[in-house]
């Protein structure tokens, strides 16, 4: 009797690719759903090891039904690679795509469904050791609103024989993160090495391999059924600490400091109108959300993940940043670092 595979969506993207690799490493049969014209080399290597590759776009009719045929479980890691944009984009690619996949999974007899949500649904306010229970603050982007609605729909679908889990990752980073961290390193090398405000606000990071491990644990945990669980690296760290370390590893000197009110004015009065006329890739990072994100403490506890999943991060932020910078250097030498490649399917778990 053949073993039914686990479907991983967004597998040609940063997060989905790592999740697919982690599940295969743990001996699971994997079906990797990718959207690009050609699968990346990492997926081709997984295929050589026995993984099944399937090309498809969940926004297309019947794509979800084809993807979930005869699968045991689903890990939904696909989503837009940007966090600011028109409402229709997030309604279609976050909410509607997930509802379609959820219904198709249930109809196909899947055992479990793990959805990668986002800590951003807590809103941007003073988070110091915040839990899944809150606090919650107003949501300022369509991305946040539709991620929150989608989480609620996923949890509402939890039932006997079809368990659903929502993992809320922190800011995910690591080797291969071309859409966020590699771009940050790219701009640091080019001389954009400042911080907004003091840089002393806390953030929450999670190394991508630790997140992939959390996904594997969630698939195996009966206690996690019907639960929303925060996933971070478990360490308090400030933006200044992260950027000082990355600049040091790159061999560049910090530092300019941009006051928060000046940054807000620049985004709203200058950059946002400019990028609406000239849609440059950097425009999705210089947004009101980005300014507010680095202007508030953003630290969450992972006590629930430890209790329900047995999750324990293995890669501290200093080691993780070091690995990421080294991988960025290697990709830059190969000509595939940020600035010379298009954005991928980053994954729905990233804020």
Protein backbone atom coordinates (compact mmCIF):
# COMPACT_ATOMS: atom_id res chain seq x y z
CA UNK A 1 0.00 0.00 0.00
CA UNK A 2 1.49 3.33 -1.05
CA UNK A 3 1.98 6.11 1.47
CA UNK A 4 -0.14 9.17 0.80
CA UNK A 5 1.95 12.34 0.43
CA UNK A 6 1.84 15.65 2.24
CA UNK A 7 1.04 18.53 -0.10
CA UNK A 8 3.19 21.63 0.39
CA UNK A 9 1.95 24.72 -1.45
CA UNK A 10 4.27 27.56 -2.46
CA UNK A 11 7.11 25.03 -2.69
CA UNK A 12 9.10 27.09 -5.20
CA UNK A 13 9.23 29.95 -2.70
CA UNK A 14 11.47 30.58 0.28
CA UNK A 15 9.36 29.19 3.13
CA UNK A 16 7.56 26.49 1.14
CA UNK A 17 10.82 25.20 -0.26
CA UNK A 18 12.35 24.80 3.19
CA UNK A 19 9.20 23.12 4.51
CA UNK A 20 9.13 20.62 1.64
CA UNK A 21 12.81 19.82 2.20
CA UNK A 22 12.33 19.36 5.95
CA UNK A 23 9.39 16.98 5.53
CA UNK A 24 11.30 14.95 2.95
CA UNK A 25 14.30 14.85 5.29
CA UNK A 26 12.03 13.40 7.98
CA UNK A 27 11.02 10.59 5.63
CA UNK A 28 7.61 11.89 4.58
CA UNK A 29 6.29 11.53 1.05
CA UNK A 30 6.00 15.06 -0.37
CA UNK A 31 3.98 16.57 -3.19
CA UNK A 32 5.43 20.02 -3.90
CA UNK A 33 3.07 22.49 -5.57
CA UNK A 34 4.91 25.27 -7.38
CA UNK A 35 3.74 28.15 -9.54
CA UNK A 36 6.82 29.23 -11.46
CA UNK A 37 7.35 28.35 -15.11
CA UNK A 38 10.17 26.02 -14.11
CA UNK A 39 10.89 24.39 -10.76
CA UNK A 40 14.00 25.72 -8.99
CA UNK A 41 17.02 23.50 -8.54
CA UNK A 42 16.14 22.81 -4.91
CA UNK A 43 12.85 21.22 -5.97
CA UNK A 44 14.54 19.22 -8.72
CA UNK A 45 16.88 17.82 -6.08
CA UNK A 46 13.87 16.86 -3.95
CA UNK A 47 12.36 15.18 -7.00
CA UNK A 48 15.51 13.10 -7.39
CA UNK A 49 14.96 11.97 -3.80
CA UNK A 50 11.41 10.85 -4.54
CA UNK A 51 9.27 13.96 -4.07
CA UNK A 52 6.45 14.61 -6.53
CA UNK A 53 6.45 18.01 -8.26
CA UNK A 54 3.19 19.55 -9.42
CA UNK A 55 2.85 22.88 -11.21
CA UNK A 56 -0.30 24.86 -10.54
CA UNK A 57 -1.83 28.15 -9.44
CA UNK A 58 -4.44 27.97 -6.68
CA UNK A 59 -6.22 30.95 -8.23
CA UNK A 60 -7.13 28.79 -11.23
CA UNK A 61 -10.30 26.70 -11.38
CA UNK A 62 -9.88 23.08 -10.24
CA UNK A 63 -6.20 23.62 -9.32
CA UNK A 64 -6.87 22.90 -5.64
CA UNK A 65 -8.79 19.71 -6.39
CA UNK A 66 -5.94 18.40 -8.55
CA UNK A 67 -3.35 19.32 -5.95
CA UNK A 68 -5.01 17.53 -3.01
CA UNK A 69 -5.98 14.33 -4.81
CA UNK A 70 -5.02 11.37 -2.60
CA UNK A 71 -2.95 13.43 -0.12
CA UNK A 72 -2.74 12.71 3.59
CA UNK A 73 -2.20 16.27 4.78
CA UNK A 74 -1.75 19.80 3.49
CA UNK A 75 0.73 22.49 4.48
CA UNK A 76 -0.42 25.78 2.99
CA UNK A 77 2.64 28.02 2.69
CA UNK A 78 1.80 29.90 -0.51
CA UNK A 79 0.83 33.54 -0.71
CA UNK A 80 1.77 36.95 -2.09
CA UNK A 81 5.40 38.03 -1.86
CA UNK A 82 4.32 41.55 -0.90
CA UNK A 83 2.52 42.93 2.13
CA UNK A 84 1.13 46.19 0.76
CA UNK A 85 -1.10 46.44 -2.28
CA UNK A 86 -4.66 46.46 -3.64
CA UNK A 87 -7.38 44.73 -1.65
CA UNK A 88 -8.29 42.40 -4.51
CA UNK A 89 -4.83 40.84 -4.52
CA UNK A 90 -5.08 39.71 -0.91
CA UNK A 91 -8.73 38.75 -1.07
CA UNK A 92 -7.95 36.44 -4.02
CA UNK A 93 -4.50 35.09 -3.15
CA UNK A 94 -4.81 34.92 0.65
CA UNK A 95 -8.47 34.44 1.55
CA UNK A 96 -10.23 32.93 -1.45
CA UNK A 97 -7.32 30.68 -2.46
CA UNK A 98 -7.11 29.27 1.06
CA UNK A 99 -10.86 28.69 1.35
CA UNK A 100 -10.81 26.83 -1.94
CA UNK A 101 -7.87 24.70 -0.85
CA UNK A 102 -9.45 24.07 2.55
CA UNK A 103 -12.71 22.84 1.04
CA UNK A 104 -10.93 20.72 -1.57
CA UNK A 105 -8.75 19.16 1.14
CA UNK A 106 -11.73 18.23 3.28
CA UNK A 107 -13.61 16.79 0.29
CA UNK A 108 -10.56 14.74 -0.74
CA UNK A 109 -10.33 13.06 2.66
CA UNK A 110 -7.18 14.76 3.89
CA UNK A 111 -6.31 14.08 7.52
CA UNK A 112 -4.93 17.49 8.53
CA UNK A 113 -4.37 21.02 7.30
CA UNK A 114 -1.60 23.30 8.58
CA UNK A 115 -1.87 26.94 7.60
CA UNK A 116 0.98 29.42 7.89
CA UNK A 117 -0.60 32.60 9.19
CA UNK A 118 1.27 35.64 10.46
CA UNK A 119 2.03 37.41 13.73
CA UNK A 120 1.08 40.61 11.91
CA UNK A 121 -2.60 39.88 12.65
CA UNK A 122 -1.90 41.09 16.21
CA UNK A 123 -1.54 44.61 14.80
CA UNK A 124 1.28 46.99 15.56
CA UNK A 125 1.47 48.14 19.14
CA UNK A 126 3.64 47.53 22.21
CA UNK A 127 4.16 43.75 22.08
CA UNK A 128 6.47 42.46 24.82
CA UNK A 129 5.92 38.80 25.46
CA UNK A 130 2.48 38.87 23.81
CA UNK A 131 0.61 35.55 23.56
CA UNK A 132 -1.89 34.10 21.12
CA UNK A 133 -4.59 35.64 23.33
CA UNK A 134 -3.33 39.16 22.61
CA UNK A 135 -3.12 42.03 22.88
CA UNK A 136 -4.47 42.98 19.45
CA UNK A 137 -4.23 46.39 17.80
CA UNK A 138 -5.87 47.93 14.70
CA UNK A 139 -4.89 46.36 11.38
CA UNK A 140 -3.63 48.83 8.78
CA UNK A 141 -3.18 46.66 5.69
CA UNK A 142 -5.36 44.43 3.56
CA UNK A 143 -2.74 41.73 4.03
CA UNK A 144 -3.27 41.70 7.80
CA UNK A 145 -7.06 41.78 7.53
CA UNK A 146 -7.29 38.91 5.08
CA UNK A 147 -4.71 36.86 6.96
CA UNK A 148 -6.84 37.26 10.08
CA UNK A 149 -10.06 36.29 8.28
CA UNK A 150 -8.31 33.31 6.73
CA UNK A 151 -7.01 32.10 10.09
CA UNK A 152 -10.52 32.21 11.49
CA UNK A 153 -11.86 30.18 8.58
CA UNK A 154 -9.14 27.56 8.96
CA UNK A 155 -9.77 27.10 12.67
CA UNK A 156 -13.54 26.99 12.13
CA UNK A 157 -13.02 24.02 9.78
CA UNK A 158 -11.37 21.90 12.47
CA UNK A 159 -13.34 18.67 12.97
CA UNK A 160 -12.92 15.04 13.87
CA UNK A 161 -11.05 13.37 11.04
CA UNK A 162 -9.97 16.71 9.58
CA UNK A 163 -7.79 18.67 11.98
CA UNK A 164 -6.66 22.20 11.25
CA UNK A 165 -3.81 24.19 12.81
CA UNK A 166 -2.64 27.77 12.32
CA UNK A 167 1.03 28.57 12.87
CA UNK A 168 1.83 32.26 13.16
CA UNK A 169 5.49 32.74 12.24
CA UNK A 170 7.49 35.78 13.23
CA UNK A 171 9.71 37.53 10.65
CA UNK A 172 11.13 34.56 8.78
CA UNK A 173 14.70 34.79 7.49
CA UNK A 174 17.50 32.54 6.34
CA UNK A 175 19.39 31.35 3.25
CA UNK A 176 17.33 31.90 0.11
CA UNK A 177 15.25 34.82 1.43
CA UNK A 178 15.61 36.88 -1.74
CA UNK A 179 12.48 38.94 -1.21
CA UNK A 180 13.30 40.46 2.19
CA UNK A 181 16.57 39.77 3.99
CA UNK A 182 18.72 39.52 0.88
CA UNK A 183 17.28 42.85 -0.28
CA UNK A 184 18.12 44.39 3.09
CA UNK A 185 21.70 43.15 2.73
CA UNK A 186 21.81 44.38 -0.86
CA UNK A 187 20.82 47.90 0.17
CA UNK A 188 23.19 47.87 3.13
CA UNK A 189 26.05 47.13 0.74
CA UNK A 190 24.87 49.94 -1.53
CA UNK A 191 25.06 52.43 1.34
CA UNK A 192 21.50 52.40 2.69
CA UNK A 193 22.43 51.47 6.22
CA UNK A 194 20.16 53.48 8.46
CA UNK A 195 17.44 52.68 10.95
CA UNK A 196 14.07 54.26 11.52
CA UNK A 197 13.89 55.82 14.96
CA UNK A 198 16.25 54.53 17.62
CA UNK A 199 16.34 50.96 16.38
CA UNK A 200 15.89 49.90 20.00
CA UNK A 201 12.47 48.32 19.55
CA UNK A 202 12.24 44.55 19.92
CA UNK A 203 11.43 42.34 17.00
CA UNK A 204 10.65 38.64 16.64
CA UNK A 205 12.65 36.57 14.19
CA UNK A 206 12.50 32.90 13.32
CA UNK A 207 15.12 31.08 11.31
CA UNK A 208 13.46 29.34 8.38
CA UNK A 209 14.70 25.85 9.27
CA UNK A 210 13.24 26.21 12.77
CA UNK A 211 9.92 27.20 11.23
CA UNK A 212 10.02 24.15 8.96
CA UNK A 213 10.63 21.99 12.02
CA UNK A 214 7.60 23.55 13.72
CA UNK A 215 5.49 22.60 10.70
CA UNK A 216 6.64 18.98 10.92
CA UNK A 217 5.80 18.93 14.63
CA UNK A 218 2.35 20.40 13.98
CA UNK A 219 1.56 17.65 11.46
CA UNK A 220 2.31 15.04 14.11
CA UNK A 221 0.64 16.71 17.11
CA UNK A 222 -2.88 15.74 18.17
CA UNK A 223 -2.82 18.45 20.86
CA UNK A 224 -2.40 21.18 18.24
CA UNK A 225 -5.73 20.47 16.52
CA UNK A 226 -7.89 23.59 16.32
CA UNK A 227 -5.15 25.78 17.77
CA UNK A 228 -3.37 28.99 16.75
CA UNK A 229 0.29 28.87 17.72
CA UNK A 230 3.00 31.55 17.60
CA UNK A 231 6.36 30.48 16.17
CA UNK A 232 9.44 32.64 16.83
CA UNK A 233 13.09 32.12 17.60
CA UNK A 234 12.33 32.69 21.27
CA UNK A 235 14.93 35.43 21.77
CA UNK A 236 14.37 39.13 22.39
CA UNK A 237 16.41 41.13 19.87
CA UNK A 238 16.29 44.71 18.60
CA UNK A 239 16.39 45.91 15.01
CA UNK A 240 19.61 47.79 15.75
CA UNK A 241 21.29 44.60 16.97
CA UNK A 242 20.28 42.71 13.83
CA UNK A 243 21.35 45.46 11.43
CA UNK A 244 24.59 46.19 13.24
CA UNK A 245 25.54 42.52 13.02
CA UNK A 246 24.63 42.20 9.34
CA UNK A 247 26.51 45.41 8.49
CA UNK A 248 29.54 44.17 10.40
CA UNK A 249 29.50 40.82 8.61
CA UNK A 250 29.23 42.61 5.27
CA UNK A 251 32.16 44.84 6.18
CA UNK A 252 30.19 48.08 5.87
CA UNK A 253 29.91 50.89 8.38
CA UNK A 254 26.62 52.00 9.91
CA UNK A 255 24.79 54.35 10.49
CA UNK A 256 22.21 56.99 9.71
CA UNK A 257 19.14 57.40 11.90
CA UNK A 258 15.87 58.56 10.36
CA UNK A 259 13.34 59.95 12.88
CA UNK A 260 9.99 58.17 12.77
CA UNK A 261 7.94 61.31 11.94
CA UNK A 262 10.27 62.06 9.01
CA UNK A 263 10.00 58.47 7.77
CA UNK A 264 6.21 58.57 7.98
CA UNK A 265 6.09 61.84 6.05
CA UNK A 266 8.48 60.56 3.39
CA UNK A 267 6.44 57.38 2.86
CA UNK A 268 3.01 59.01 2.75
CA UNK A 269 3.81 62.27 0.96
CA UNK A 270 6.63 61.29 -1.38
CA UNK A 271 7.35 57.60 -1.81
CA UNK A 272 3.83 56.19 -1.89
CA UNK A 273 2.65 58.55 -4.69
CA UNK A 274 5.91 57.95 -6.55
CA UNK A 275 5.64 54.15 -6.42
CA UNK A 276 2.00 54.29 -7.53
CA UNK A 277 3.25 55.91 -10.73
CA UNK A 278 6.49 53.96 -11.07
CA UNK A 279 6.01 50.49 -9.53
CA UNK A 280 9.60 49.73 -8.54
CA UNK A 281 10.23 46.52 -6.59
CA UNK A 282 11.59 48.42 -3.58
CA UNK A 283 8.23 50.18 -3.25
CA UNK A 284 6.64 47.25 -1.44
CA UNK A 285 9.15 47.62 1.40
CA UNK A 286 9.00 51.39 1.90
CA UNK A 287 5.45 51.51 3.25
CA UNK A 288 3.52 52.74 6.24
CA UNK A 289 3.37 49.15 7.49
CA UNK A 290 7.15 48.83 7.32
CA UNK A 291 7.65 52.09 9.26
CA UNK A 292 5.16 51.13 11.96
CA UNK A 293 6.59 47.61 12.17
CA UNK A 294 10.04 48.86 13.17
CA UNK A 295 8.61 51.60 15.41
CA UNK A 296 6.94 49.30 17.95
CA UNK A 297 8.09 46.43 20.12
CA UNK A 298 7.18 43.17 18.38
CA UNK A 299 8.12 40.36 20.74
CA UNK A 300 5.94 37.27 21.31
CA UNK A 301 6.21 34.28 23.60
CA UNK A 302 6.41 30.71 22.28
CA UNK A 303 5.28 29.01 25.48
CA UNK A 304 2.28 27.48 23.69
CA UNK A 305 4.47 26.09 20.89
CA UNK A 306 6.76 24.53 23.46
CA UNK A 307 3.82 23.00 25.34
CA UNK A 308 1.74 21.69 22.43
CA UNK A 309 4.40 20.92 19.83
CA UNK A 310 7.54 20.33 21.84
CA UNK A 311 9.03 23.10 19.70
CA UNK A 312 12.45 24.43 20.65
CA UNK A 313 14.34 26.74 18.27
CA UNK A 314 17.80 25.46 17.44
CA UNK A 315 19.31 28.44 15.61
CA UNK A 316 19.88 31.63 17.59
CA UNK A 317 19.55 34.95 15.79
CA UNK A 318 23.29 35.67 15.73
CA UNK A 319 24.05 32.30 14.16
CA UNK A 320 21.08 32.65 11.83
CA UNK A 321 22.10 36.10 10.61
CA UNK A 322 25.64 34.81 10.08
CA UNK A 323 24.40 31.88 7.98
CA UNK A 324 22.13 34.18 5.99
CA UNK A 325 24.86 36.71 5.23
CA UNK A 326 27.18 33.93 4.09
CA UNK A 327 24.47 32.47 1.85
CA UNK A 328 23.79 35.95 0.46
CA UNK A 329 27.47 36.38 -0.38
CA UNK A 330 27.49 33.06 -2.18
CA UNK A 331 24.34 33.90 -4.15
CA UNK A 332 25.73 37.32 -5.03
CA UNK A 333 28.87 35.73 -6.44
CA UNK A 334 26.60 33.45 -8.48
CA UNK A 335 24.59 36.44 -9.70
CA UNK A 336 21.28 35.49 -8.08
CA UNK A 337 21.17 37.80 -5.05
CA UNK A 338 18.49 40.44 -4.50
CA UNK A 339 18.43 43.03 -7.19
CA UNK A 340 19.13 40.52 -9.96
CA UNK A 341 16.17 38.23 -9.64
CA UNK A 342 12.42 38.59 -9.41
CA UNK A 343 10.41 37.99 -6.26
CA UNK A 344 9.27 34.47 -5.58
CA UNK A 345 6.35 32.94 -3.74
CA UNK A 346 7.65 34.01 -0.38
CA UNK A 347 4.99 32.24 1.56
CA UNK A 348 1.88 33.14 3.45
CA UNK A 349 3.57 33.00 6.80
CA UNK A 350 5.60 36.15 6.40
CA UNK A 351 4.44 39.52 7.68
